[in-house]
Protein backbone atom coordinates (compact mmCIF):
# COMPACT_ATOMS: atom_id res chain seq x y z
CA MET A 1 -79.71 -81.34 -189.17
CA MET A 2 -79.86 -85.27 -187.19
CA CYS A 3 -82.92 -85.80 -188.11
CA GLU A 4 -82.64 -85.49 -191.27
CA MET A 5 -79.87 -87.44 -191.56
CA LYS A 6 -81.15 -90.40 -189.90
CA ILE A 7 -84.45 -90.03 -191.79
CA LEU A 8 -82.10 -90.31 -194.88
CA TYR A 9 -80.33 -93.15 -193.59
CA TYR A 10 -83.34 -95.06 -193.22
CA ALA A 11 -84.44 -94.06 -196.48
CA TYR A 12 -81.31 -95.27 -198.37
CA LEU A 13 -81.96 -98.57 -196.23
CA ALA A 14 -85.46 -98.69 -197.32
CA PHE A 15 -84.38 -98.26 -200.85
CA LYS A 16 -81.86 -100.63 -200.64
CA TRP A 17 -84.67 -103.30 -199.20
CA TRP A 18 -86.18 -102.92 -202.46
CA LEU A 19 -83.86 -103.21 -204.63
CA CYS A 20 -82.23 -106.12 -206.97
CA ASN A 21 -80.62 -107.64 -209.55
CA SER A 22 -83.74 -106.48 -212.09
CA GLY A 23 -84.38 -103.30 -209.68
CA ARG A 24 -86.94 -104.92 -207.49
CA LEU A 25 -87.10 -107.02 -205.10
CA ILE A 26 -91.18 -107.45 -204.82
CA ASN A 27 -92.81 -107.11 -208.56
CA PRO A 28 -95.98 -105.64 -207.40
CA ALA A 29 -97.15 -106.37 -210.70
CA GLU A 30 -96.54 -110.29 -209.67
CA THR A 31 -97.98 -109.87 -206.25
CA PHE A 32 -101.37 -108.63 -207.78
CA GLY A 33 -101.51 -110.37 -210.91
CA ASP A 34 -102.53 -108.55 -213.81
CA ILE A 35 -104.15 -105.60 -211.22
CA VAL A 36 -101.49 -104.13 -211.57
CA ILE A 37 -98.85 -102.87 -213.99
CA ASP A 38 -96.02 -101.79 -213.16
CA TYR A 39 -93.81 -99.60 -214.98
CA PRO A 40 -89.77 -98.10 -215.04
CA TYR A 41 -90.17 -94.73 -214.77
CA VAL A 42 -87.17 -92.72 -215.25
CA GLU A 43 -88.05 -89.79 -213.60
CA CYS A 44 -88.13 -92.55 -210.38
CA THR A 45 -84.33 -93.49 -211.04
CA SER A 46 -82.82 -89.77 -211.17
CA ALA A 47 -84.70 -89.61 -208.13
CA ALA A 48 -83.09 -92.10 -206.84
CA ILE A 49 -79.28 -91.53 -208.35
CA GLN A 50 -79.84 -88.18 -206.81
CA ALA A 51 -80.50 -89.73 -203.29
CA LEU A 52 -77.73 -91.90 -203.51
CA THR A 53 -75.73 -89.14 -204.41
CA LEU A 54 -76.67 -86.95 -201.67
CA PHE A 55 -76.16 -89.76 -198.64
CA LYS A 56 -72.65 -90.58 -200.80
CA LYS A 57 -71.75 -87.28 -199.68
CA LEU A 58 -73.18 -87.84 -195.85
CA TYR A 59 -72.03 -91.21 -195.59
CA PRO A 60 -68.55 -91.65 -197.98
CA GLU A 61 -67.54 -94.78 -196.72
CA HIS A 62 -70.38 -96.63 -195.85
CA ARG A 63 -71.78 -99.64 -198.02
CA ARG A 64 -69.82 -97.29 -200.82
CA GLU A 65 -69.66 -100.09 -203.30
CA GLU A 66 -73.15 -100.91 -202.85
CA ILE A 67 -74.28 -97.43 -203.22
CA GLU A 68 -71.84 -97.27 -206.77
CA ASN A 69 -72.70 -99.97 -208.49
CA CYS A 70 -76.61 -98.73 -207.43
CA ILE A 71 -75.52 -95.47 -209.05
CA ALA A 72 -74.15 -97.15 -211.70
CA LYS A 73 -77.32 -99.50 -213.01
CA ALA A 74 -79.44 -96.82 -212.31
CA ALA A 75 -77.49 -94.82 -214.74
CA GLU A 76 -77.34 -96.85 -217.16
CA PHE A 77 -81.00 -97.53 -217.13
CA ILE A 78 -81.45 -93.71 -218.00
């Protein structure tokens, strides 16, 4: 159980690292020019909301405001 919590925690940190106001810190479409076209997917956003909700239940006081803002932005996107 502890190992799973660590994995979830590090996944959360990685996810937060990639996020910014527009939803991405690094946009692959900009990085690779015309090679990659980046489309937002509702399924990925839904999975992120589910993961953040679980993380919030396991660690209710850890970066609470940031997580709630991220969930709210993702819900608006959907």
